[in-house]
Amino acid sequence: MKLVTYEVKARELTIHGSPQARIGWVSDGWIIDIGFAQEWATLHRGLPVTRVLPTEMLPFLETGREGMQTLIRLAGEMEGEDPFTLQVEGEPVAMRETEVNLLPPLPIPRSFRDFYAFEQHVKTARASRGLEMVREWYEIPVFYFSNPHTLIGPGAPVEKPRNTRELDYELEVAFVIGAKGRDIPAEKALEHIAGFCILNDWSARDLQRQEMKVGLGPAKGKDFATSIGPWLVTMDELEDRRQGDHFDLTMVARVNGRELSRGNVRDLTHTVARMVERASQNCTLWPGDLIGSGTVGTGCILELGTEIQPWLEPGDEVELEIEHLGVLRNRIVAAGE
């Protein structure tokens, strides 16, 4: 399933005091609201309510396997129905995609780790600073913690920080933890993942370069904005693209409609399973933890060079696309717009 967090453009949803931002799933151009769909299926299909599904993403992820199984059964009950006709107490069960704003599928994750797991990107980025690869990079997947409170959804503007002249995009794949675990072995890791999405790790390269000379970071070069979306795609939808611990998913980045970056999730040197294993060592991962892969090879201006693409400016539109995961599009604006 393709799970989303959304807001209605035209009006607020107020049924039973519900918050405006709610979760649903994507079906043929419609967003089907999980909460309203469960009410409808209970009233009109006699769906037994063994669990009332939450209407926000983090609480839904906390329901674990039982919640996902309930949702799958609910979606089965909705098959063949015309979404346009379905209502609960005057509220529509489904909205057209054009009638909603998609927010980050997980608006505020519990935590946000970002790895550095594609060899081509690491080699190129280090070479640009006159550095060789280090043996330790091949031995362990490494990550940094970023800001879980500055996530941006598809279509939302990205403010260029006032104190940067070198704004960059980063084409990444991300995944969300769906089952609690500690010291998770790689062979069990995929069982703990709720789904995948696209991630753009916006980077202020001049700020990043300055602070990392001190020996810590990245911090202010990264924490002003991260885009994720447009959906959280559950693992069952990706099974046919899975090759062991690798996933064959083409990755593309475009700026103002021009393709600049192309790679594949299967090119990860440190697999998703190894990232989960490393992140959970001596540490509990919780449902709602967000984990990024790091940049795919060629996946940023830092790698490509400013002769290929200048640093991003207000008015530029960046479009990231990953096969089966959709398109994540954002436009740069000046601070304060």
C-alpha atoms as a PDB file:
ATOM      1  CA  MET A   1       0.000   0.000   0.000  1.00  0.00           C
ATOM      2  CA  LYS A   2       0.962   3.623  -0.488  1.00  0.00           C
ATOM      3  CA  LEU A   3       0.272   5.393   2.801  1.00  0.00           C
ATOM      4  CA  VAL A   4       0.004   9.170   3.059  1.00  0.00           C
ATOM      5  CA  THR A   5      -0.572  11.961   5.525  1.00  0.00           C
ATOM      6  CA  TYR A   6      -2.757  14.640   3.973  1.00  0.00           C
ATOM      7  CA  GLU A   7      -4.715  17.849   4.490  1.00  0.00           C
ATOM      8  CA  VAL A   8      -7.812  18.868   2.563  1.00  0.00           C
ATOM      9  CA  LYS A   9      -7.181  22.021   0.530  1.00  0.00           C
ATOM     10  CA  ALA A  10     -10.666  23.544   0.638  1.00  0.00           C
ATOM     11  CA  ARG A  11     -11.758  23.052   4.229  1.00  0.00           C
ATOM     12  CA  GLU A  12     -10.949  21.509   7.556  1.00  0.00           C
ATOM     13  CA  LEU A  13     -12.087  18.056   8.573  1.00  0.00           C
ATOM     14  CA  THR A  14     -13.994  18.400  11.817  1.00  0.00           C
ATOM     15  CA  ILE A  15     -15.906  15.138  12.215  1.00  0.00           C
ATOM     16  CA  HIS A  16     -15.668  13.920  15.814  1.00  0.00           C
ATOM     17  CA  GLY A  17     -13.089  16.628  16.476  1.00  0.00           C
ATOM     18  CA  SER A  18     -10.575  15.006  14.106  1.00  0.00           C
ATOM     19  CA  PRO A  19      -7.401  16.958  13.336  1.00  0.00           C
ATOM     20  CA  GLN A  20      -7.036  18.376   9.851  1.00  0.00           C
ATOM     21  CA  ALA A  21      -4.002  16.220   9.037  1.00  0.00           C
ATOM     22  CA  ARG A  22      -5.042  12.585   8.614  1.00  0.00           C
ATOM     23  CA  ILE A  23      -3.733   9.397   7.051  1.00  0.00           C
ATOM     24  CA  GLY A  24      -5.022   7.412   4.114  1.00  0.00           C
ATOM     25  CA  TRP A  25      -3.944   5.229   1.247  1.00  0.00           C
ATOM     26  CA  VAL A  26      -3.632   5.952  -2.468  1.00  0.00           C
ATOM     27  CA  SER A  27      -5.962   4.184  -4.904  1.00  0.00           C
ATOM     28  CA  ASP A  28      -6.327   5.150  -8.583  1.00  0.00           C
ATOM     29  CA  GLY A  29      -6.061   8.896  -8.047  1.00  0.00           C
ATOM     30  CA  TRP A  30      -7.995   8.911  -4.769  1.00  0.00           C
ATOM     31  CA  ILE A  31      -6.861   9.281  -1.173  1.00  0.00           C
ATOM     32  CA  ILE A  32      -9.005   6.962   0.939  1.00  0.00           C
ATOM     33  CA  ASP A  33      -9.131   8.108   4.544  1.00  0.00           C
ATOM     34  CA  ILE A  34      -8.319   5.249   6.905  1.00  0.00           C
ATOM     35  CA  GLY A  35     -10.522   6.409   9.768  1.00  0.00           C
ATOM     36  CA  PHE A  36     -13.585   7.231   7.659  1.00  0.00           C
ATOM     37  CA  ALA A  37     -13.136   4.055   5.590  1.00  0.00           C
ATOM     38  CA  GLN A  38     -13.168   1.937   8.744  1.00  0.00           C
ATOM     39  CA  GLU A  39     -16.349   3.639   9.929  1.00  0.00           C
ATOM     40  CA  TRP A  40     -17.973   3.118   6.515  1.00  0.00           C
ATOM     41  CA  ALA A  41     -16.954  -0.550   6.303  1.00  0.00           C
ATOM     42  CA  THR A  42     -18.238  -1.155   9.824  1.00  0.00           C
ATOM     43  CA  LEU A  43     -21.617   0.410   9.047  1.00  0.00           C
ATOM     44  CA  HIS A  44     -22.126  -0.917   5.521  1.00  0.00           C
ATOM     45  CA  ARG A  45     -20.112  -4.129   5.346  1.00  0.00           C
ATOM     46  CA  GLY A  46     -20.329  -5.338   8.912  1.00  0.00           C
ATOM     47  CA  LEU A  47     -16.546  -5.247   9.256  1.00  0.00           C
ATOM     48  CA  PRO A  48     -15.814  -6.373  12.825  1.00  0.00           C
ATOM     49  CA  VAL A  49     -13.865  -3.733  14.750  1.00  0.00           C
ATOM     50  CA  THR A  50     -11.125  -5.707  16.492  1.00  0.00           C
ATOM     51  CA  ARG A  51      -8.984  -2.567  16.490  1.00  0.00           C
ATOM     52  CA  VAL A  52      -9.882   1.061  15.777  1.00  0.00           C
ATOM     53  CA  LEU A  53      -7.150   2.315  13.474  1.00  0.00           C
ATOM     54  CA  PRO A  54      -5.484   5.623  14.430  1.00  0.00           C
ATOM     55  CA  THR A  55      -5.841   8.552  12.030  1.00  0.00           C
ATOM     56  CA  GLU A  56      -2.233   9.765  12.402  1.00  0.00           C
ATOM     57  CA  MET A  57       0.837   7.976  11.051  1.00  0.00           C
ATOM     58  CA  LEU A  58       2.960   7.511  14.162  1.00  0.00           C
ATOM     59  CA  PRO A  59       0.156   5.986  16.269  1.00  0.00           C
ATOM     60  CA  PHE A  60      -0.748   3.799  13.283  1.00  0.00           C
ATOM     61  CA  LEU A  61       2.828   2.507  13.010  1.00  0.00           C
ATOM     62  CA  GLU A  62       2.725   1.709  16.723  1.00  0.00           C
ATOM     63  CA  THR A  63      -0.137  -0.746  16.087  1.00  0.00           C
ATOM     64  CA  GLY A  64       2.427  -2.937  14.332  1.00  0.00           C
ATOM     65  CA  ARG A  65       1.546  -6.057  12.406  1.00  0.00           C
ATOM     66  CA  GLU A  66      -1.977  -6.224  13.839  1.00  0.00           C
ATOM     67  CA  GLY A  67      -2.770  -2.728  12.614  1.00  0.00           C
ATOM     68  CA  MET A  68      -1.375  -3.438   9.157  1.00  0.00           C
ATOM     69  CA  GLN A  69      -3.404  -6.646   8.875  1.00  0.00           C
ATOM     70  CA  THR A  70      -6.545  -4.708   9.881  1.00  0.00           C
ATOM     71  CA  LEU A  71      -5.781  -2.116   7.220  1.00  0.00           C
ATOM     72  CA  ILE A  72      -5.240  -4.751   4.528  1.00  0.00           C
ATOM     73  CA  ARG A  73      -8.598  -6.328   5.393  1.00  0.00           C
ATOM     74  CA  LEU A  74     -10.224  -2.896   5.317  1.00  0.00           C
ATOM     75  CA  ALA A  75      -8.780  -2.157   1.870  1.00  0.00           C
ATOM     76  CA  GLY A  76     -10.160  -5.474   0.680  1.00  0.00           C
ATOM     77  CA  GLU A  77     -13.653  -4.481   1.841  1.00  0.00           C
ATOM     78  CA  MET A  78     -13.360  -1.226  -0.146  1.00  0.00           C
ATOM     79  CA  GLU A  79     -12.397  -2.884  -3.441  1.00  0.00           C
ATOM     80  CA  GLY A  80     -14.918  -2.301  -6.207  1.00  0.00           C
ATOM     81  CA  GLU A  81     -16.609   0.625  -4.447  1.00  0.00           C
ATOM     82  CA  ASP A  82     -16.864   4.003  -6.182  1.00  0.00           C
ATOM     83  CA  PRO A  83     -14.921   6.363  -3.876  1.00  0.00           C
ATOM     84  CA  PHE A  84     -16.963   9.338  -5.090  1.00  0.00           C
ATOM     85  CA  THR A  85     -20.166   7.984  -3.516  1.00  0.00           C
ATOM     86  CA  LEU A  86     -18.859   6.993  -0.073  1.00  0.00           C
ATOM     87  CA  GLN A  87     -19.689   9.135   2.937  1.00  0.00           C
ATOM     88  CA  VAL A  88     -19.820   8.843   6.724  1.00  0.00           C
ATOM     89  CA  GLU A  89     -22.124  11.329   8.482  1.00  0.00           C
ATOM     90  CA  GLY A  90     -21.779  13.706   5.557  1.00  0.00           C
ATOM     91  CA  GLU A  91     -17.999  13.458   5.384  1.00  0.00           C
ATOM     92  CA  PRO A  92     -16.363  11.977   2.272  1.00  0.00           C
ATOM     93  CA  VAL A  93     -14.492   8.734   2.794  1.00  0.00           C
ATOM     94  CA  ALA A  94     -12.187   9.564  -0.125  1.00  0.00           C
ATOM     95  CA  MET A  95     -10.797  12.693  -1.762  1.00  0.00           C
ATOM     96  CA  ARG A  96      -9.238  13.139  -5.174  1.00  0.00           C
ATOM     97  CA  GLU A  97      -5.475  13.634  -5.021  1.00  0.00           C
ATOM     98  CA  THR A  98      -5.991  17.085  -6.547  1.00  0.00           C
ATOM     99  CA  GLU A  99      -8.176  18.075  -3.579  1.00  0.00           C
ATOM    100  CA  VAL A 100      -5.542  17.457  -0.917  1.00  0.00           C
ATOM    101  CA  ASN A 101      -2.078  18.581   0.091  1.00  0.00           C
ATOM    102  CA  LEU A 102       0.251  15.708   0.833  1.00  0.00           C
ATOM    103  CA  LEU A 103       2.353  16.258   3.945  1.00  0.00           C
ATOM    104  CA  PRO A 104       5.431  14.234   4.882  1.00  0.00           C
ATOM    105  CA  PRO A 105       3.992  10.705   5.250  1.00  0.00           C
ATOM    106  CA  LEU A 106       5.529  10.649   8.736  1.00  0.00           C
ATOM    107  CA  PRO A 107       5.393  14.329   9.745  1.00  0.00           C
ATOM    108  CA  ILE A 108       7.505  14.070  12.907  1.00  0.00           C
ATOM    109  CA  PRO A 109       9.504  10.853  13.222  1.00  0.00           C
ATOM    110  CA  ARG A 110      10.688   9.665  16.607  1.00  0.00           C
ATOM    111  CA  SER A 111      14.258  10.073  15.391  1.00  0.00           C
ATOM    112  CA  PHE A 112      16.079  10.642  12.110  1.00  0.00           C
ATOM    113  CA  ARG A 113      19.336   8.889  11.229  1.00  0.00           C
ATOM    114  CA  ASP A 114      21.017   9.428   7.870  1.00  0.00           C
ATOM    115  CA  PHE A 115      23.637   6.959   6.635  1.00  0.00           C
ATOM    116  CA  TYR A 116      26.505   7.334   4.144  1.00  0.00           C
ATOM    117  CA  ALA A 117      26.083   4.034   2.330  1.00  0.00           C
ATOM    118  CA  PHE A 118      26.677   4.491  -1.437  1.00  0.00           C
ATOM    119  CA  GLU A 119      30.364   4.000  -2.262  1.00  0.00           C
ATOM    120  CA  GLN A 120      30.386   6.083  -5.448  1.00  0.00           C
ATOM    121  CA  HIS A 121      29.083   9.162  -3.643  1.00  0.00           C
ATOM    122  CA  VAL A 122      31.498   8.760  -0.738  1.00  0.00           C
ATOM    123  CA  LYS A 123      34.500   8.291  -3.037  1.00  0.00           C
ATOM    124  CA  THR A 124      33.633  11.300  -5.187  1.00  0.00           C
ATOM    125  CA  ALA A 125      32.832  13.563  -2.247  1.00  0.00           C
ATOM    126  CA  ARG A 126      36.068  12.662  -0.457  1.00  0.00           C
ATOM    127  CA  ALA A 127      38.145  13.015  -3.626  1.00  0.00           C
ATOM    128  CA  SER A 128      36.786  16.537  -4.096  1.00  0.00           C
ATOM    129  CA  ARG A 129      38.409  17.376  -0.737  1.00  0.00           C
ATOM    130  CA  GLY A 130      41.651  15.588  -1.624  1.00  0.00           C
ATOM    131  CA  LEU A 131      40.895  12.621   0.641  1.00  0.00           C
ATOM    132  CA  GLU A 132      41.272   8.883   0.073  1.00  0.00           C
ATOM    133  CA  MET A 133      38.701   6.323   1.189  1.00  0.00           C
ATOM    134  CA  VAL A 134      39.231   5.013   4.713  1.00  0.00           C
ATOM    135  CA  ARG A 135      39.191   1.299   5.542  1.00  0.00           C
ATOM    136  CA  GLU A 136      36.653   1.807   8.320  1.00  0.00           C
ATOM    137  CA  TRP A 137      33.987   2.981   5.847  1.00  0.00           C
ATOM    138  CA  TYR A 138      33.892  -0.511   4.332  1.00  0.00           C
ATOM    139  CA  GLU A 139      33.796  -2.178   7.739  1.00  0.00           C
ATOM    140  CA  ILE A 140      30.770  -0.411   9.238  1.00  0.00           C
ATOM    141  CA  PRO A 141      27.853   1.637   7.919  1.00  0.00           C
ATOM    142  CA  VAL A 142      28.030   5.081   9.547  1.00  0.00           C
ATOM    143  CA  PHE A 143      25.327   7.690  10.115  1.00  0.00           C
ATOM    144  CA  TYR A 144      24.607  11.001  11.768  1.00  0.00           C
ATOM    145  CA  PHE A 145      21.509  12.189  13.586  1.00  0.00           C
ATOM    146  CA  SER A 146      19.532  14.963  11.894  1.00  0.00           C
ATOM    147  CA  ASN A 147      16.538  17.094  12.841  1.00  0.00           C
ATOM    148  CA  PRO A 148      13.193  15.211  12.991  1.00  0.00           C
ATOM    149  CA  HIS A 149      11.254  18.487  13.313  1.00  0.00           C
ATOM    150  CA  THR A 150      12.042  20.099   9.949  1.00  0.00           C
ATOM    151  CA  LEU A 151      10.489  17.580   7.559  1.00  0.00           C
ATOM    152  CA  ILE A 152       8.792  18.899   4.422  1.00  0.00           C
ATOM    153  CA  GLY A 153       6.302  17.107   2.192  1.00  0.00           C
ATOM    154  CA  PRO A 154       5.872  16.922  -1.578  1.00  0.00           C
ATOM    155  CA  GLY A 155       5.106  20.240  -3.239  1.00  0.00           C
ATOM    156  CA  ALA A 156       6.024  22.289  -0.172  1.00  0.00           C
ATOM    157  CA  PRO A 157       8.438  25.202  -0.634  1.00  0.00           C
ATOM    158  CA  VAL A 158      11.980  24.901   0.693  1.00  0.00           C
ATOM    159  CA  GLU A 159      13.402  28.115   2.114  1.00  0.00           C
ATOM    160  CA  LYS A 160      16.993  28.792   1.133  1.00  0.00           C
ATOM    161  CA  PRO A 161      18.878  29.603   4.363  1.00  0.00           C
ATOM    162  CA  ARG A 162      19.903  33.259   4.443  1.00  0.00           C
ATOM    163  CA  ASN A 163      23.512  32.418   5.279  1.00  0.00           C
ATOM    164  CA  THR A 164      24.282  29.956   2.491  1.00  0.00           C
ATOM    165  CA  ARG A 165      25.436  30.474  -1.081  1.00  0.00           C
ATOM    166  CA  GLU A 166      25.775  26.766  -1.831  1.00  0.00           C
ATOM    167  CA  LEU A 167      22.376  25.084  -1.521  1.00  0.00           C
ATOM    168  CA  ASP A 168      22.346  21.482  -2.764  1.00  0.00           C
ATOM    169  CA  TYR A 169      19.933  18.569  -3.075  1.00  0.00           C
ATOM    170  CA  GLU A 170      20.664  14.927  -2.194  1.00  0.00           C
ATOM    171  CA  LEU A 171      18.869  11.986  -3.830  1.00  0.00           C
ATOM    172  CA  GLU A 172      18.284   9.299  -1.206  1.00  0.00           C
ATOM    173  CA  VAL A 173      16.004   6.416  -0.363  1.00  0.00           C
ATOM    174  CA  ALA A 174      14.622   6.223   3.168  1.00  0.00           C
ATOM    175  CA  PHE A 175      12.787   3.690   5.269  1.00  0.00           C
ATOM    176  CA  VAL A 176      10.665   3.821   8.400  1.00  0.00           C
ATOM    177  CA  ILE A 177      10.884   1.385  11.290  1.00  0.00           C
ATOM    178  CA  GLY A 178       7.612  -0.415  11.929  1.00  0.00           C
ATOM    179  CA  ALA A 179       8.522  -2.903  14.670  1.00  0.00           C
ATOM    180  CA  LYS A 180      10.493  -2.296  17.856  1.00  0.00           C
ATOM    181  CA  GLY A 181      13.837  -4.036  18.103  1.00  0.00           C
ATOM    182  CA  ARG A 182      17.276  -3.971  19.688  1.00  0.00           C
ATOM    183  CA  ASP A 183      20.459  -5.640  18.419  1.00  0.00           C
ATOM    184  CA  ILE A 184      18.580  -6.720  15.293  1.00  0.00           C
ATOM    185  CA  PRO A 185      20.578  -9.125  13.093  1.00  0.00           C
ATOM    186  CA  ALA A 186      20.746  -8.290   9.396  1.00  0.00           C
ATOM    187  CA  GLU A 187      18.864 -11.460   8.459  1.00  0.00           C
ATOM    188  CA  LYS A 188      15.858 -10.261  10.523  1.00  0.00           C
ATOM    189  CA  ALA A 189      16.143  -6.573   9.712  1.00  0.00           C
ATOM    190  CA  LEU A 190      13.591  -6.289   6.905  1.00  0.00           C
ATOM    191  CA  GLU A 191      10.915  -7.632   9.253  1.00  0.00           C
ATOM    192  CA  HIS A 192      11.279  -4.412  11.244  1.00  0.00           C
ATOM    193  CA  ILE A 193      10.660  -2.027   8.338  1.00  0.00           C
ATOM    194  CA  ALA A 194       7.206  -0.548   7.679  1.00  0.00           C
ATOM    195  CA  GLY A 195       8.020   0.861   4.251  1.00  0.00           C
ATOM    196  CA  PHE A 196      10.198   2.962   1.940  1.00  0.00           C
ATOM    197  CA  CYS A 197       9.957   6.551   0.695  1.00  0.00           C
ATOM    198  CA  ILE A 198      12.049   9.135  -1.155  1.00  0.00           C
ATOM    199  CA  LEU A 199      14.251  11.505   0.842  1.00  0.00           C
ATOM    200  CA  ASN A 200      15.905  14.788  -0.157  1.00  0.00           C
ATOM    201  CA  ASP A 201      18.592  15.741   2.345  1.00  0.00           C
ATOM    202  CA  TRP A 202      18.915  19.441   1.522  1.00  0.00           C
ATOM    203  CA  SER A 203      22.446  20.628   2.213  1.00  0.00           C
ATOM    204  CA  ALA A 204      24.102  24.024   2.685  1.00  0.00           C
ATOM    205  CA  ARG A 205      27.573  23.028   1.515  1.00  0.00           C
ATOM    206  CA  ASP A 206      29.425  26.134   2.678  1.00  0.00           C
ATOM    207  CA  LEU A 207      27.995  25.833   6.195  1.00  0.00           C
ATOM    208  CA  GLN A 208      28.691  22.101   6.218  1.00  0.00           C
ATOM    209  CA  ARG A 209      32.295  22.613   5.053  1.00  0.00           C
ATOM    210  CA  GLN A 210      32.966  25.200   7.763  1.00  0.00           C
ATOM    211  CA  GLU A 211      31.618  23.195  10.689  1.00  0.00           C
ATOM    212  CA  MET A 212      33.155  19.873   9.661  1.00  0.00           C
ATOM    213  CA  LYS A 213      36.637  21.376   9.806  1.00  0.00           C
ATOM    214  CA  VAL A 214      36.119  21.315  13.562  1.00  0.00           C
ATOM    215  CA  GLY A 215      35.652  17.519  13.475  1.00  0.00           C
ATOM    216  CA  LEU A 216      31.920  17.342  14.144  1.00  0.00           C
ATOM    217  CA  GLY A 217      28.917  17.502  11.860  1.00  0.00           C
ATOM    218  CA  PRO A 218      27.109  17.793   9.616  1.00  0.00           C
ATOM    219  CA  ALA A 219      24.767  19.918  11.680  1.00  0.00           C
ATOM    220  CA  LYS A 220      23.671  23.398  10.596  1.00  0.00           C
ATOM    221  CA  GLY A 221      24.592  22.481   7.040  1.00  0.00           C
ATOM    222  CA  LYS A 222      21.730  19.960   7.093  1.00  0.00           C
ATOM    223  CA  ASP A 223      19.119  20.557   9.772  1.00  0.00           C
ATOM    224  CA  PHE A 224      17.071  23.341   8.161  1.00  0.00           C
ATOM    225  CA  ALA A 225      14.977  21.094   5.877  1.00  0.00           C
ATOM    226  CA  THR A 226      14.529  17.483   4.761  1.00  0.00           C
ATOM    227  CA  SER A 227      11.880  16.457   2.245  1.00  0.00           C
ATOM    228  CA  ILE A 228      10.264  13.011   2.333  1.00  0.00           C
ATOM    229  CA  GLY A 229       7.386  11.474   0.427  1.00  0.00           C
ATOM    230  CA  PRO A 230       5.206  11.439  -1.485  1.00  0.00           C
ATOM    231  CA  TRP A 231       4.079   8.158   0.090  1.00  0.00           C
ATOM    232  CA  LEU A 232       5.280   5.498   2.505  1.00  0.00           C
ATOM    233  CA  VAL A 233       5.258   2.369   0.336  1.00  0.00           C
ATOM    234  CA  THR A 234       4.796  -0.828   2.344  1.00  0.00           C
ATOM    235  CA  MET A 235       7.228  -3.696   1.925  1.00  0.00           C
ATOM    236  CA  ASP A 236       4.800  -6.036   0.170  1.00  0.00           C
ATOM    237  CA  GLU A 237       4.674  -3.646  -2.801  1.00  0.00           C
ATOM    238  CA  LEU A 238       8.453  -3.913  -3.233  1.00  0.00           C
ATOM    239  CA  GLU A 239       8.834  -7.674  -2.934  1.00  0.00           C
ATOM    240  CA  ASP A 240       9.048  -8.203  -6.703  1.00  0.00           C
ATOM    241  CA  ARG A 241      11.999  -5.774  -6.852  1.00  0.00           C
ATOM    242  CA  ARG A 242      13.853  -7.414  -3.999  1.00  0.00           C
ATOM    243  CA  GLN A 243      17.038  -9.352  -4.722  1.00  0.00           C
ATOM    244  CA  GLY A 244      18.150 -10.782  -1.390  1.00  0.00           C
ATOM    245  CA  ASP A 245      18.878  -7.735   0.759  1.00  0.00           C
ATOM    246  CA  HIS A 246      19.024  -5.419  -2.284  1.00  0.00           C
ATOM    247  CA  PHE A 247      16.170  -3.635  -4.066  1.00  0.00           C
ATOM    248  CA  ASP A 248      16.248  -2.912  -7.794  1.00  0.00           C
ATOM    249  CA  LEU A 249      14.739   0.588  -7.894  1.00  0.00           C
ATOM    250  CA  THR A 250      15.939   3.225 -10.345  1.00  0.00           C
ATOM    251  CA  MET A 251      16.671   6.651  -8.811  1.00  0.00           C
ATOM    252  CA  VAL A 252      16.585   9.924 -10.807  1.00  0.00           C
ATOM    253  CA  ALA A 253      16.994  13.613  -9.933  1.00  0.00           C
ATOM    254  CA  ARG A 254      15.987  16.568 -12.124  1.00  0.00           C
ATOM    255  CA  VAL A 255      16.456  20.294 -11.648  1.00  0.00           C
ATOM    256  CA  ASN A 256      14.058  22.490 -13.608  1.00  0.00           C
ATOM    257  CA  GLY A 257      13.087  19.451 -15.673  1.00  0.00           C
ATOM    258  CA  ARG A 258      16.662  18.520 -16.666  1.00  0.00           C
ATOM    259  CA  GLU A 259      17.938  15.117 -15.547  1.00  0.00           C
ATOM    260  CA  LEU A 260      21.164  15.414 -13.557  1.00  0.00           C
ATOM    261  CA  SER A 261      21.387  12.273 -11.425  1.00  0.00           C
ATOM    262  CA  ARG A 262      20.691   8.598 -12.045  1.00  0.00           C
ATOM    263  CA  GLY A 263      21.402   5.553  -9.893  1.00  0.00           C
ATOM    264  CA  ASN A 264      19.767   2.531  -8.300  1.00  0.00           C
ATOM    265  CA  VAL A 265      18.953   1.469  -4.751  1.00  0.00           C
ATOM    266  CA  ARG A 266      20.647  -1.878  -5.499  1.00  0.00           C
ATOM    267  CA  ASP A 267      23.979   0.013  -5.654  1.00  0.00           C
ATOM    268  CA  LEU A 268      24.014   0.409  -1.862  1.00  0.00           C
ATOM    269  CA  THR A 269      27.325  -0.891  -0.545  1.00  0.00           C
ATOM    270  CA  HIS A 270      25.836  -1.175   2.932  1.00  0.00           C
ATOM    271  CA  THR A 271      22.383  -2.677   2.499  1.00  0.00           C
ATOM    272  CA  VAL A 272      19.210  -1.562   4.234  1.00  0.00           C
ATOM    273  CA  ALA A 273      19.493  -4.683   6.416  1.00  0.00           C
ATOM    274  CA  ARG A 274      23.025  -3.747   7.500  1.00  0.00           C
ATOM    275  CA  MET A 275      21.896  -0.215   8.285  1.00  0.00           C
ATOM    276  CA  VAL A 276      19.154  -1.533  10.578  1.00  0.00           C
ATOM    277  CA  GLU A 277      21.623  -3.905  12.213  1.00  0.00           C
ATOM    278  CA  ARG A 278      24.089  -1.090  12.870  1.00  0.00           C
ATOM    279  CA  ALA A 279      21.496   1.440  14.050  1.00  0.00           C
ATOM    280  CA  SER A 280      20.052  -1.051  16.552  1.00  0.00           C
ATOM    281  CA  GLN A 281      23.352  -2.093  18.141  1.00  0.00           C
ATOM    282  CA  ASN A 282      23.105  -1.391  21.886  1.00  0.00           C
ATOM    283  CA  CYS A 283      20.042   0.707  21.078  1.00  0.00           C
ATOM    284  CA  THR A 284      16.308   0.155  20.665  1.00  0.00           C
ATOM    285  CA  LEU A 285      14.711   1.182  17.391  1.00  0.00           C
ATOM    286  CA  TRP A 286      11.076   2.222  17.700  1.00  0.00           C
ATOM    287  CA  PRO A 287       8.161   2.400  15.262  1.00  0.00           C
ATOM    288  CA  GLY A 288       8.390   5.777  13.594  1.00  0.00           C
ATOM    289  CA  ASP A 289      12.187   6.029  13.483  1.00  0.00           C
ATOM    290  CA  LEU A 290      13.253   7.389  10.070  1.00  0.00           C
ATOM    291  CA  ILE A 291      16.475   6.189   8.423  1.00  0.00           C
ATOM    292  CA  GLY A 292      18.049   7.594   5.240  1.00  0.00           C
ATOM    293  CA  SER A 293      20.514   5.843   2.964  1.00  0.00           C
ATOM    294  CA  GLY A 294      22.799   8.728   2.142  1.00  0.00           C
ATOM    295  CA  THR A 295      23.243  10.067  -1.369  1.00  0.00           C
ATOM    296  CA  VAL A 296      23.300   7.787  -4.391  1.00  0.00           C
ATOM    297  CA  GLY A 297      26.246   8.182  -6.776  1.00  0.00           C
ATOM    298  CA  THR A 298      25.879  11.387  -8.876  1.00  0.00           C
ATOM    299  CA  GLY A 299      22.973  12.373  -6.604  1.00  0.00           C
ATOM    300  CA  CYS A 300      23.973  15.937  -5.733  1.00  0.00           C
ATOM    301  CA  ILE A 301      25.591  19.084  -7.156  1.00  0.00           C
ATOM    302  CA  LEU A 302      28.650  18.550  -4.930  1.00  0.00           C
ATOM    303  CA  GLU A 303      29.461  15.463  -6.997  1.00  0.00           C
ATOM    304  CA  LEU A 304      28.423  16.798 -10.376  1.00  0.00           C
ATOM    305  CA  GLY A 305      30.212  20.122 -10.108  1.00  0.00           C
ATOM    306  CA  THR A 306      28.832  23.631 -10.527  1.00  0.00           C
ATOM    307  CA  GLU A 307      29.868  23.632 -14.192  1.00  0.00           C
ATOM    308  CA  ILE A 308      27.124  21.017 -14.687  1.00  0.00           C
ATOM    309  CA  GLN A 309      24.584  22.607 -12.331  1.00  0.00           C
ATOM    310  CA  PRO A 310      24.993  25.826 -10.308  1.00  0.00           C
ATOM    311  CA  TRP A 311      24.059  25.831  -6.649  1.00  0.00           C
ATOM    312  CA  LEU A 312      20.300  26.061  -6.150  1.00  0.00           C
ATOM    313  CA  GLU A 313      18.550  29.439  -6.043  1.00  0.00           C
ATOM    314  CA  PRO A 314      14.977  30.615  -5.364  1.00  0.00           C
ATOM    315  CA  GLY A 315      12.787  29.580  -8.278  1.00  0.00           C
ATOM    316  CA  ASP A 316      14.608  26.318  -8.947  1.00  0.00           C
ATOM    317  CA  GLU A 317      12.491  23.165  -8.796  1.00  0.00           C
ATOM    318  CA  VAL A 318      14.048  19.858  -7.735  1.00  0.00           C
ATOM    319  CA  GLU A 319      12.315  16.610  -8.626  1.00  0.00           C
ATOM    320  CA  LEU A 320      13.434  13.282  -7.182  1.00  0.00           C
ATOM    321  CA  GLU A 321      11.960  10.066  -8.548  1.00  0.00           C
ATOM    322  CA  ILE A 322      12.456   6.495  -7.372  1.00  0.00           C
ATOM    323  CA  GLU A 323      10.819   3.613  -9.160  1.00  0.00           C
ATOM    324  CA  HIS A 324       7.684   2.413  -7.289  1.00  0.00           C
ATOM    325  CA  LEU A 325       8.144   5.165  -4.677  1.00  0.00           C
ATOM    326  CA  GLY A 326       6.777   8.068  -6.713  1.00  0.00           C
ATOM    327  CA  VAL A 327       8.034  11.600  -7.345  1.00  0.00           C
ATOM    328  CA  LEU A 328       9.091  14.101  -4.668  1.00  0.00           C
ATOM    329  CA  ARG A 329       9.029  17.660  -6.003  1.00  0.00           C
ATOM    330  CA  ASN A 330       9.927  20.898  -4.188  1.00  0.00           C
ATOM    331  CA  ARG A 331      10.640  24.475  -5.261  1.00  0.00           C
ATOM    332  CA  ILE A 332      13.252  26.693  -3.630  1.00  0.00           C
ATOM    333  CA  VAL A 333      12.054  30.039  -2.240  1.00  0.00           C
ATOM    334  CA  ALA A 334      13.803  32.921  -0.544  1.00  0.00           C
ATOM    335  CA  ALA A 335      13.771  32.920   3.247  1.00  0.00           C
ATOM    336  CA  GLY A 336      10.626  34.564   4.571  1.00  0.00           C
ATOM    337  CA  GLU A 337       8.515  34.069   1.405  1.00  0.00           C
END
